[in-house]
Protein backbone atom coordinates (compact mmCIF):
# COMPACT_ATOMS: atom_id res chain seq x y z
CA UNK A 1 -0.02 0.00 0.00
CA UNK A 2 2.73 2.46 0.94
CA UNK A 3 4.57 1.57 -2.24
CA UNK A 4 1.53 2.56 -4.32
CA UNK A 5 1.18 5.92 -2.55
CA UNK A 6 4.90 6.73 -3.07
CA UNK A 7 4.69 5.97 -6.80
CA UNK A 8 1.68 8.25 -7.14
CA UNK A 9 3.50 11.14 -5.43
CA UNK A 10 6.54 10.75 -7.66
CA UNK A 11 4.37 10.75 -10.76
CA UNK A 12 2.63 13.95 -9.71
CA UNK A 13 5.92 15.71 -9.12
CA UNK A 14 7.25 14.65 -12.49
CA UNK A 15 4.14 15.83 -14.23
CA UNK A 16 4.38 19.25 -12.50
CA UNK A 17 7.96 19.79 -13.44
CA UNK A 18 7.29 18.88 -17.05
CA UNK A 19 4.34 21.22 -17.26
CA UNK A 20 6.45 24.16 -15.95
CA UNK A 21 9.08 23.55 -18.51
CA UNK A 22 6.49 23.61 -21.29
CA UNK A 23 4.91 26.86 -20.08
CA UNK A 24 8.33 28.59 -19.72
CA UNK A 25 9.27 27.53 -23.23
CA UNK A 26 6.11 29.01 -24.68
CA UNK A 27 6.59 32.34 -22.91
CA UNK A 28 10.12 32.60 -24.24
CA UNK A 29 8.93 32.02 -27.78
CA UNK A 30 6.36 34.83 -27.49
CA UNK A 31 8.96 37.57 -26.43
CA UNK A 32 10.28 39.81 -29.28
CA UNK A 33 13.95 39.49 -29.94
CA UNK A 34 16.15 42.24 -28.36
CA UNK A 35 17.37 45.00 -30.72
CA UNK A 36 20.88 44.45 -32.04
CA UNK A 37 23.60 46.46 -30.26
CA UNK A 38 24.96 49.44 -32.20
CA UNK A 39 28.48 48.69 -33.53
CA UNK A 40 31.24 50.78 -32.04
CA UNK A 41 32.40 52.27 -35.34
CA UNK A 42 33.53 55.89 -35.81
CA UNK A 43 32.49 57.33 -39.11
CA UNK A 44 35.30 58.92 -41.20
CA UNK A 45 35.22 62.69 -41.42
CA UNK A 46 33.81 64.17 -44.57
CA UNK A 47 36.40 65.01 -47.15
CA UNK A 48 36.94 68.80 -47.43
CA UNK A 49 36.10 70.50 -50.64
CA UNK A 50 38.85 72.11 -52.72
CA UNK A 51 39.91 75.33 -51.06
CA UNK A 52 38.58 74.33 -47.55
CA UNK A 53 40.88 73.69 -44.69
CA UNK A 54 40.73 70.17 -43.19
CA UNK A 55 39.14 70.22 -39.73
CA UNK A 56 41.05 68.90 -36.75
CA UNK A 57 38.86 66.99 -34.17
CA UNK A 58 37.93 69.43 -31.39
CA UNK A 59 39.10 67.06 -28.68
CA UNK A 60 42.64 67.18 -30.16
CA UNK A 61 44.29 70.63 -30.55
CA UNK A 62 45.95 71.38 -33.84
CA UNK A 63 49.66 70.82 -33.99
CA UNK A 64 52.41 72.56 -35.94
CA UNK A 65 54.58 70.64 -38.38
CA UNK A 66 57.44 70.78 -35.92
CA UNK A 67 55.26 69.15 -33.17
CA UNK A 68 54.12 66.19 -35.28
CA UNK A 69 55.70 62.97 -34.05
CA UNK A 70 56.55 61.08 -37.22
CA UNK A 71 56.91 57.95 -35.25
CA UNK A 72 53.11 57.82 -34.77
CA UNK A 73 52.64 56.62 -38.32
CA UNK A 74 54.47 55.33 -41.29
CA UNK A 75 57.63 57.33 -42.10
CA UNK A 76 57.05 59.98 -44.66
CA UNK A 77 59.15 59.69 -47.75
CA UNK A 78 62.27 61.94 -47.46
CA UNK A 79 62.31 64.77 -49.96
CA UNK A 80 65.76 65.78 -51.25
CA UNK A 81 65.80 69.40 -52.34
CA UNK A 82 68.63 70.05 -54.80
CA UNK A 83 70.17 73.47 -54.25
CA UNK A 84 70.94 75.41 -57.37
CA UNK A 85 74.64 75.63 -58.18
CA UNK A 86 76.37 78.50 -56.49
CA UNK A 87 77.24 81.42 -58.74
CA UNK A 88 80.96 81.88 -59.24
CA UNK A 89 82.42 84.19 -56.65
CA UNK A 90 83.47 87.49 -58.14
CA UNK A 91 86.98 88.51 -57.22
CA UNK A 92 88.15 92.00 -56.60
CA UNK A 93 91.43 92.45 -58.59
CA UNK A 94 94.37 94.27 -57.15
CA UNK A 95 94.52 97.96 -58.13
CA UNK A 96 96.93 98.82 -60.90
CA UNK A 97 99.06 100.97 -58.60
CA UNK A 98 99.74 98.05 -56.28
CA UNK A 99 101.24 96.00 -59.07
CA UNK A 100 104.02 98.47 -59.75
CA UNK A 101 105.43 97.85 -56.27
CA UNK A 102 106.54 94.34 -57.15
CA UNK A 103 108.15 95.36 -60.48
CA UNK A 104 111.54 95.98 -59.03
CA UNK A 105 111.64 92.74 -57.01
CA UNK A 106 110.61 90.62 -59.95
CA UNK A 107 112.91 92.22 -62.49
CA UNK A 108 115.90 92.34 -60.17
CA UNK A 109 116.33 88.61 -60.70
CA UNK A 110 117.83 89.33 -64.09
CA UNK A 111 120.35 91.93 -62.92
CA UNK A 112 123.16 89.42 -62.44
CA UNK A 113 123.36 88.82 -66.18
CA UNK A 114 122.78 92.35 -67.42
CA UNK A 115 122.91 95.15 -64.92
CA UNK A 116 125.47 93.84 -62.52
CA UNK A 117 127.51 92.38 -65.28
CA UNK A 118 127.75 95.82 -66.94
CA UNK A 119 128.59 97.56 -63.67
CA UNK A 120 131.28 95.03 -62.95
CA UNK A 121 132.95 95.62 -66.34
CA UNK A 122 132.63 99.42 -66.16
CA UNK A 123 134.23 99.39 -62.70
CA UNK A 124 137.48 97.91 -63.92
CA UNK A 125 140.59 99.95 -63.34
CA UNK A 126 141.46 100.01 -67.03
CA UNK A 127 138.60 100.33 -69.59
CA UNK A 128 140.53 99.13 -72.63
CA UNK A 129 139.15 97.94 -75.95
CA UNK A 130 138.88 94.37 -74.70
CA UNK A 131 136.69 95.52 -71.77
CA UNK A 132 134.41 97.45 -74.11
CA UNK A 133 134.06 94.37 -76.31
CA UNK A 134 132.99 92.39 -73.25
CA UNK A 135 130.42 95.07 -72.48
CA UNK A 136 129.09 94.71 -76.03
CA UNK A 137 128.90 90.95 -75.69
CA UNK A 138 126.94 91.29 -72.40
CA UNK A 139 124.40 93.58 -74.09
CA UNK A 140 124.02 91.32 -77.10
CA UNK A 141 123.48 88.17 -74.94
CA UNK A 142 120.74 90.11 -73.14
CA UNK A 143 119.03 90.61 -76.57
CA UNK A 144 119.48 94.38 -76.62
CA UNK A 145 120.12 94.17 -80.38
CA UNK A 146 123.15 95.05 -82.52
CA UNK A 147 122.33 98.66 -83.32
CA UNK A 148 121.17 99.71 -79.82
CA UNK A 149 124.19 97.96 -78.35
CA UNK A 150 126.58 99.89 -80.55
CA UNK A 151 124.86 103.16 -79.70
CA UNK A 152 124.99 102.49 -75.96
CA UNK A 153 128.65 101.52 -75.97
CA UNK A 154 129.70 104.47 -78.01
CA UNK A 155 127.89 106.92 -75.74
CA UNK A 156 129.24 105.33 -72.61
CA UNK A 157 132.85 105.38 -73.92
CA UNK A 158 132.54 109.02 -74.78
CA UNK A 159 131.06 110.08 -71.46
CA UNK A 160 133.53 108.07 -69.37
CA UNK A 161 136.42 109.53 -71.35
CA UNK A 162 135.23 113.13 -71.24
CA UNK A 163 133.89 113.18 -67.65
CA UNK A 164 136.53 110.92 -66.21
CA UNK A 165 133.80 109.06 -64.30
CA UNK A 166 135.22 106.28 -62.17
CA UNK A 167 133.29 105.69 -58.95
CA UNK A 168 130.62 102.95 -58.81
CA UNK A 169 127.86 105.45 -58.09
CA UNK A 170 128.92 107.67 -60.94
CA UNK A 171 129.12 104.72 -63.35
CA UNK A 172 125.73 103.44 -62.19
CA UNK A 173 124.26 106.89 -62.83
CA UNK A 174 125.70 107.05 -66.37
CA UNK A 175 124.48 103.56 -67.22
CA UNK A 176 121.02 104.29 -65.84
CA UNK A 177 120.67 107.43 -67.96
CA UNK A 178 121.79 105.73 -71.18
CA UNK A 179 119.55 102.72 -70.71
CA UNK A 180 116.50 104.83 -70.00
CA UNK A 181 117.26 106.87 -73.12
CA UNK A 182 117.34 103.67 -75.22
CA UNK A 183 113.89 102.77 -73.84
CA UNK A 184 112.43 105.95 -75.30
CA UNK A 185 110.74 107.31 -72.15
CA UNK A 186 108.62 109.74 -74.22
CA UNK A 187 106.58 106.87 -75.67
CA UNK A 188 102.89 106.94 -74.79
CA UNK A 189 102.40 103.67 -72.91
CA UNK A 190 98.68 104.04 -71.99
CA UNK A 191 96.53 101.17 -73.20
CA UNK A 192 93.86 102.79 -75.33
CA UNK A 193 90.49 101.54 -74.10
CA UNK A 194 88.36 104.69 -74.64
CA UNK A 195 86.67 105.02 -77.98
CA UNK A 196 86.15 108.39 -79.69
CA UNK A 197 82.77 107.12 -80.86
CA UNK A 198 79.67 106.09 -78.91
CA UNK A 199 81.00 102.51 -78.77
CA UNK A 200 83.14 100.48 -76.39
CA UNK A 201 86.87 100.66 -76.71
CA UNK A 202 87.97 97.70 -78.84
CA UNK A 203 91.23 95.94 -78.09
CA UNK A 204 92.53 93.05 -80.20
CA UNK A 205 95.24 90.78 -78.70
CA UNK A 206 97.48 88.94 -81.16
CA UNK A 207 100.48 86.65 -80.89
CA UNK A 208 101.55 83.03 -81.45
CA UNK A 209 100.41 80.23 -79.21
CA UNK A 210 102.69 79.68 -76.20
CA UNK A 211 103.43 83.35 -75.52
CA UNK A 212 100.60 83.66 -72.95
CA UNK A 213 98.22 85.46 -75.26
CA UNK A 214 94.93 84.14 -73.82
CA UNK A 215 96.22 84.44 -70.25
CA UNK A 216 97.27 87.98 -70.99
CA UNK A 217 93.83 88.82 -72.32
CA UNK A 218 92.28 87.51 -69.11
CA UNK A 219 94.73 89.40 -66.93
CA UNK A 220 94.09 92.58 -68.89
CA UNK A 221 90.39 92.14 -68.15
CA UNK A 222 91.30 92.09 -64.45
CA UNK A 223 93.32 95.30 -64.83
CA UNK A 224 90.42 97.07 -66.54
CA UNK A 225 87.85 95.82 -64.01
CA UNK A 226 90.12 97.02 -61.20
CA UNK A 227 90.06 100.42 -62.85
CA UNK A 228 86.26 100.44 -62.76
CA UNK A 229 85.51 99.42 -66.37
CA UNK A 230 82.94 96.87 -67.60
CA UNK A 231 84.45 94.33 -69.98
CA UNK A 232 83.12 91.88 -72.67
CA UNK A 233 85.52 89.17 -73.82
CA UNK A 234 85.54 87.71 -77.32
CA UNK A 235 86.93 84.18 -77.54
CA UNK A 236 88.04 84.35 -81.17
CA UNK A 237 90.78 81.75 -80.75
CA UNK A 238 88.44 78.99 -81.98
CA UNK A 239 91.22 76.74 -83.39
CA UNK A 240 92.89 75.90 -80.05
CA UNK A 241 91.13 73.40 -77.86
CA UNK A 242 89.83 74.80 -74.56
CA UNK A 243 90.97 78.38 -75.38
CA UNK A 244 87.36 79.62 -75.00
CA UNK A 245 86.99 77.77 -71.71
CA UNK A 246 90.21 79.28 -70.40
CA UNK A 247 89.11 82.82 -71.33
CA UNK A 248 85.60 82.34 -69.92
CA UNK A 249 87.12 81.21 -66.60
CA UNK A 250 89.16 84.38 -66.46
CA UNK A 251 86.08 86.43 -67.19
CA UNK A 252 83.84 84.76 -64.64
CA UNK A 253 86.39 85.50 -61.87
CA UNK A 254 85.90 89.25 -62.34
CA UNK A 255 82.33 89.34 -63.72
CA UNK A 256 83.25 89.84 -67.38
CA UNK A 257 81.00 88.00 -69.87
CA UNK A 258 82.58 85.90 -72.65
CA UNK A 259 81.14 85.68 -76.17
CA UNK A 260 82.22 82.40 -77.80
CA UNK A 261 81.38 80.18 -80.74
CA UNK A 262 81.82 76.49 -81.65
CA UNK A 263 85.27 74.98 -81.57
CA UNK A 264 86.84 75.36 -85.00
CA UNK A 265 84.27 78.01 -85.95
CA UNK A 266 84.86 81.27 -87.71
CA UNK A 267 87.00 83.55 -85.52
CA UNK A 268 85.82 86.70 -87.36
CA UNK A 269 82.22 85.84 -86.60
CA UNK A 270 82.95 85.49 -82.86
CA UNK A 271 84.80 88.82 -82.87
CA UNK A 272 81.94 90.52 -84.70
CA UNK A 273 79.38 89.18 -82.23
CA UNK A 274 81.49 90.19 -79.26
CA UNK A 275 81.66 93.80 -80.39
CA UNK A 276 77.98 93.78 -81.28
CA UNK A 277 76.99 92.56 -77.80
CA UNK A 278 79.43 94.98 -76.16
CA UNK A 279 77.70 97.82 -77.95
CA UNK A 280 74.23 96.54 -76.96
CA UNK A 281 75.21 96.10 -73.32
CA UNK A 282 76.93 99.50 -73.14
CA UNK A 283 80.21 97.92 -72.06
CA UNK A 284 83.28 100.11 -71.67
CA UNK A 285 85.74 97.72 -73.36
CA UNK A 286 85.68 94.67 -75.64
CA UNK A 287 88.79 92.47 -75.55
CA UNK A 288 89.25 90.05 -78.45
CA UNK A 289 91.54 87.07 -78.05
CA UNK A 290 92.64 85.90 -81.53
CA UNK A 291 94.02 82.69 -82.97
CA UNK A 292 97.72 82.05 -82.54
CA UNK A 293 98.59 79.21 -84.92
CA UNK A 294 98.23 78.18 -88.53
CA UNK A 295 94.99 76.57 -89.46
CA UNK A 296 94.69 73.74 -91.97
CA UNK A 297 92.65 75.78 -94.44
CA UNK A 298 93.59 79.41 -93.89
CA UNK A 299 96.84 81.07 -93.02
CA UNK A 300 96.99 82.73 -89.61
CA UNK A 301 97.84 86.14 -91.02
CA UNK A 302 94.93 85.99 -93.46
CA UNK A 303 92.62 85.10 -90.58
CA UNK A 304 93.82 87.98 -88.51
CA UNK A 305 93.29 90.42 -91.34
CA UNK A 306 89.74 89.12 -91.77
CA UNK A 307 89.05 89.57 -88.05
CA UNK A 308 90.30 93.15 -88.15
CA UNK A 309 88.12 93.97 -91.22
CA UNK A 310 85.01 92.38 -89.69
CA UNK A 311 85.40 94.13 -86.37
CA UNK A 312 85.87 97.48 -88.01
CA UNK A 313 82.39 97.20 -89.51
CA UNK A 314 81.23 98.16 -86.05
CA UNK A 315 83.98 100.62 -85.12
CA UNK A 316 87.75 101.05 -85.62
CA UNK A 317 90.16 99.21 -83.34
CA UNK A 318 91.50 101.35 -80.54
CA UNK A 319 94.41 99.11 -79.63
CA UNK A 320 96.20 96.10 -81.15
CA UNK A 321 98.46 94.49 -78.60
CA UNK A 322 101.19 92.00 -79.68
CA UNK A 323 102.07 89.45 -76.99
CA UNK A 324 105.70 88.26 -77.07
CA UNK A 325 107.54 85.83 -74.83
CA UNK A 326 110.59 87.72 -73.46
CA UNK A 327 112.59 84.50 -73.28
CA UNK A 328 112.46 83.86 -77.02
CA UNK A 329 114.82 86.73 -77.85
CA UNK A 330 115.43 87.19 -81.59
CA UNK A 331 112.65 84.73 -82.43
CA UNK A 332 110.27 87.21 -80.85
CA UNK A 333 111.49 89.91 -83.17
CA UNK A 334 110.79 87.71 -86.17
CA UNK A 335 107.27 87.17 -84.92
CA UNK A 336 106.84 90.88 -84.39
CA UNK A 337 107.78 91.66 -87.97
CA UNK A 338 105.27 89.15 -89.37
CA UNK A 339 102.35 90.38 -87.25
CA UNK A 340 103.17 94.03 -88.02
CA UNK A 341 102.79 93.31 -91.71
CA UNK A 342 99.13 92.27 -91.28
CA UNK A 343 97.75 94.36 -88.46
CA UNK A 344 98.87 97.74 -87.23
CA UNK A 345 100.52 96.95 -83.89
CA UNK A 346 100.03 99.77 -81.40
CA UNK A 347 101.54 98.25 -78.26
CA UNK A 348 103.57 95.30 -77.02
CA UNK A 349 103.07 93.03 -74.04
CA UNK A 350 106.15 91.17 -72.86
CA UNK A 351 105.37 88.09 -70.86
CA UNK A 352 107.77 85.96 -68.75
CA UNK A 353 109.93 88.93 -68.13
CA UNK A 354 110.58 88.07 -64.46
CA UNK A 355 113.70 86.16 -63.83
CA UNK A 356 114.98 86.32 -67.38
CA UNK A 357 118.38 87.53 -68.51
CA UNK A 358 116.82 88.66 -71.78
CA UNK A 359 115.65 92.03 -70.50
CA UNK A 360 117.26 93.70 -73.47
CA UNK A 361 114.44 92.47 -75.67
CA UNK A 362 112.42 95.50 -74.49
CA UNK A 363 114.86 97.78 -76.20
CA UNK A 364 115.15 95.61 -79.34
CA UNK A 365 111.45 95.15 -79.98
CA UNK A 366 110.62 98.77 -79.51
CA UNK A 367 113.36 99.71 -81.94
CA UNK A 368 112.21 97.05 -84.42
CA UNK A 369 108.51 98.09 -84.46
CA UNK A 370 108.70 101.70 -83.44
CA UNK A 371 105.89 101.08 -80.89
CA UNK A 372 106.12 101.02 -77.09
CA UNK A 373 106.10 98.14 -74.65
CA UNK A 374 102.95 98.95 -72.68
CA UNK A 375 102.52 95.97 -70.35
CA UNK A 376 104.81 93.37 -68.88
CA UNK A 377 104.04 89.96 -67.38
CA UNK A 378 105.92 89.46 -64.15
CA UNK A 379 104.83 85.97 -63.16
CA UNK A 380 102.02 83.41 -63.19
CA UNK A 381 99.77 85.12 -60.61
CA UNK A 382 96.40 86.48 -61.67
CA UNK A 383 97.49 90.06 -61.02
CA UNK A 384 101.04 89.78 -62.34
CA UNK A 385 100.41 92.10 -65.29
CA UNK A 386 101.65 95.63 -64.84
CA UNK A 387 102.20 98.77 -66.87
CA UNK A 388 105.77 99.16 -68.15
CA UNK A 389 107.76 102.02 -66.71
CA UNK A 390 111.27 102.54 -68.17
CA UNK A 391 112.74 104.08 -64.99
CA UNK A 392 111.51 101.31 -62.73
CA UNK A 393 112.70 98.73 -65.27
CA UNK A 394 116.22 100.12 -65.39
CA UNK A 395 116.45 100.54 -61.61
CA UNK A 396 115.51 96.90 -61.24
CA UNK A 397 118.22 95.83 -63.74
CA UNK A 398 121.12 97.70 -62.24
CA UNK A 399 119.99 98.08 -58.65
CA UNK A 400 120.23 101.14 -56.57
């Protein structure tokens, strides 16, 4: 009996539990599903229109470029800004007056062969014929020339005989006077760079290659710039490789522009254009560097004559400078004669005069051409071109 009652109770409990589960399940099916949770996504800011400034979020203050930490994000590509090439630095040439100071020092190197040699001979106790012949030989070796040597010796013999001059100071004084006289001190040695017309002064520089012609043209540009003149350079030596580059480098150092043409081109055309541009720019001086060697098609002298004729379509030449190497001696005189036949030489530039025993070439070339030595090259420095002064030259030769 008790067993039957227990079974009934258990059955009732089981039925109750099952009924509750069924009711709960139905209630859950009748509830609407919960709304989906909003995703935590931040919308991107609107793209600014062209011309609008991009907005910075208000919660983050704007930062300057210097404050941005590049490590926060990917490294920005490095931008290499190429700087334009620096303009060549313009040099300020040494004033002309300062160059004369070094003349005596440079030329005094040659006094052992000429000046001191003459003073030693003249100071002998007996000035016999043999001594005077030695004096002649000394002058000839120094390239004074046959005729000037004979004139100098004759005048010295006469003055020593008449005046009875014997002391070293007196002999030095006599020799100084006679040498200065042979150098023709009354010559006008000013380089003509002022035109009588409303055009630049036109200077043509001639000479064979190897004498320092192009270098002299560049140095002369420095002299003129130092004197306050504006200069245009004409690179008419088109037959020599790199001559135009060399001249342009000289010009760039002092701010002078160089007019040039193709290598092997027509020199007369370059010279014509240089003068034309000098006129258009209102330059004070046009310097024309000419060819200095024979070309395969045209003779050098014919080419120089053509350059002269073409340039003078603009205006007459104011100066024609012949550049000679002082160490070449009599060969330099031969060159001078040839150039003088083609163009009217108005002045001479003697290069490599420092340290040479050939100082007498100054006397010989002036006598040969009848024109003055106007400039002398005293060394390889940029400002080693100076006006020629007879008194300073002689003082350097014989010493004081």
